[in-house]
Amino acid sequence: MLFLVAALMLLGVVLGTVAHAPLTFTAVAAVVIAVWLGVFALRERHGRRRTPSH
């Protein structure tokens, strides 16, 4: 999943409007997205391990 984030960031730098944004902004946005996806993955994994109590 993090590879996908890195690939999309690289594609955005090369082809998209991210090329017009400062590199620091792009890096911060990529880190925020990566953390968000990581938290989502952890919550999904943790949620699937639980069994319903009823």
C-alpha atoms as a PDB file:
ATOM      1  CA  MET A   1       0.000   0.000   0.000  1.00  0.00           C
ATOM      2  CA  LEU A   2       2.849   2.393   0.807  1.00  0.00           C
ATOM      3  CA  PHE A   3       4.369   1.522  -2.563  1.00  0.00           C
ATOM      4  CA  LEU A   4       1.123   2.685  -4.169  1.00  0.00           C
ATOM      5  CA  VAL A   5       1.294   5.999  -2.291  1.00  0.00           C
ATOM      6  CA  ALA A   6       4.901   6.493  -3.403  1.00  0.00           C
ATOM      7  CA  ALA A   7       4.047   5.623  -7.008  1.00  0.00           C
ATOM      8  CA  LEU A   8       1.105   8.028  -7.079  1.00  0.00           C
ATOM      9  CA  MET A   9       3.214  10.801  -5.548  1.00  0.00           C
ATOM     10  CA  LEU A  10       5.912  10.263  -8.177  1.00  0.00           C
ATOM     11  CA  LEU A  11       3.305  10.274 -10.928  1.00  0.00           C
ATOM     12  CA  GLY A  12       1.834  13.474  -9.531  1.00  0.00           C
ATOM     13  CA  VAL A  13       5.248  15.138  -9.413  1.00  0.00           C
ATOM     14  CA  VAL A  14       5.990  14.177 -12.992  1.00  0.00           C
ATOM     15  CA  LEU A  15       2.600  14.732 -14.620  1.00  0.00           C
ATOM     16  CA  GLY A  16       0.188  16.525 -12.343  1.00  0.00           C
ATOM     17  CA  THR A  17      -0.401  19.729 -10.519  1.00  0.00           C
ATOM     18  CA  VAL A  18       1.745  18.523  -7.626  1.00  0.00           C
ATOM     19  CA  ALA A  19       4.711  19.579  -9.774  1.00  0.00           C
ATOM     20  CA  HIS A  20       3.681  23.196  -9.141  1.00  0.00           C
ATOM     21  CA  ALA A  21       3.553  22.774  -5.372  1.00  0.00           C
ATOM     22  CA  PRO A  22       6.666  23.105  -3.204  1.00  0.00           C
ATOM     23  CA  LEU A  23       8.491  19.840  -2.519  1.00  0.00           C
ATOM     24  CA  THR A  24       8.015  20.211   1.243  1.00  0.00           C
ATOM     25  CA  PHE A  25       4.240  20.507   0.824  1.00  0.00           C
ATOM     26  CA  THR A  26       4.223  17.442  -1.408  1.00  0.00           C
ATOM     27  CA  ALA A  27       6.279  15.447   1.090  1.00  0.00           C
ATOM     28  CA  VAL A  28       4.050  16.469   4.015  1.00  0.00           C
ATOM     29  CA  ALA A  29       0.915  15.581   2.045  1.00  0.00           C
ATOM     30  CA  ALA A  30       2.392  12.188   1.138  1.00  0.00           C
ATOM     31  CA  VAL A  31       3.259  11.485   4.780  1.00  0.00           C
ATOM     32  CA  VAL A  32      -0.237  12.495   5.926  1.00  0.00           C
ATOM     33  CA  ILE A  33      -1.832  10.212   3.335  1.00  0.00           C
ATOM     34  CA  ALA A  34       0.507   7.337   4.232  1.00  0.00           C
ATOM     35  CA  VAL A  35      -0.295   7.690   7.950  1.00  0.00           C
ATOM     36  CA  TRP A  36      -4.012   7.876   7.200  1.00  0.00           C
ATOM     37  CA  LEU A  37      -3.841   4.700   5.100  1.00  0.00           C
ATOM     38  CA  GLY A  38      -1.749   2.978   7.766  1.00  0.00           C
ATOM     39  CA  VAL A  39      -4.237   3.812  10.505  1.00  0.00           C
ATOM     40  CA  PHE A  40      -7.081   2.626   8.277  1.00  0.00           C
ATOM     41  CA  ALA A  41      -5.280  -0.671   7.608  1.00  0.00           C
ATOM     42  CA  LEU A  42      -4.604  -1.220  11.309  1.00  0.00           C
ATOM     43  CA  ARG A  43      -8.223  -0.493  12.212  1.00  0.00           C
ATOM     44  CA  GLU A  44      -9.451  -2.873   9.520  1.00  0.00           C
ATOM     45  CA  ARG A  45      -7.090  -5.628  10.643  1.00  0.00           C
ATOM     46  CA  HIS A  46      -8.017  -5.129  14.297  1.00  0.00           C
ATOM     47  CA  GLY A  47     -11.738  -5.038  13.485  1.00  0.00           C
ATOM     48  CA  ARG A  48     -11.632  -8.273  11.542  1.00  0.00           C
ATOM     49  CA  ARG A  49      -9.917 -10.134  14.392  1.00  0.00           C
ATOM     50  CA  ARG A  50     -12.763  -9.372  16.770  1.00  0.00           C
ATOM     51  CA  THR A  51     -15.681 -11.713  16.834  1.00  0.00           C
ATOM     52  CA  PRO A  52     -19.171 -10.405  17.544  1.00  0.00           C
ATOM     53  CA  SER A  53     -20.142 -10.810  21.190  1.00  0.00           C
ATOM     54  CA  HIS A  54     -23.745 -11.796  20.434  1.00  0.00           C
END
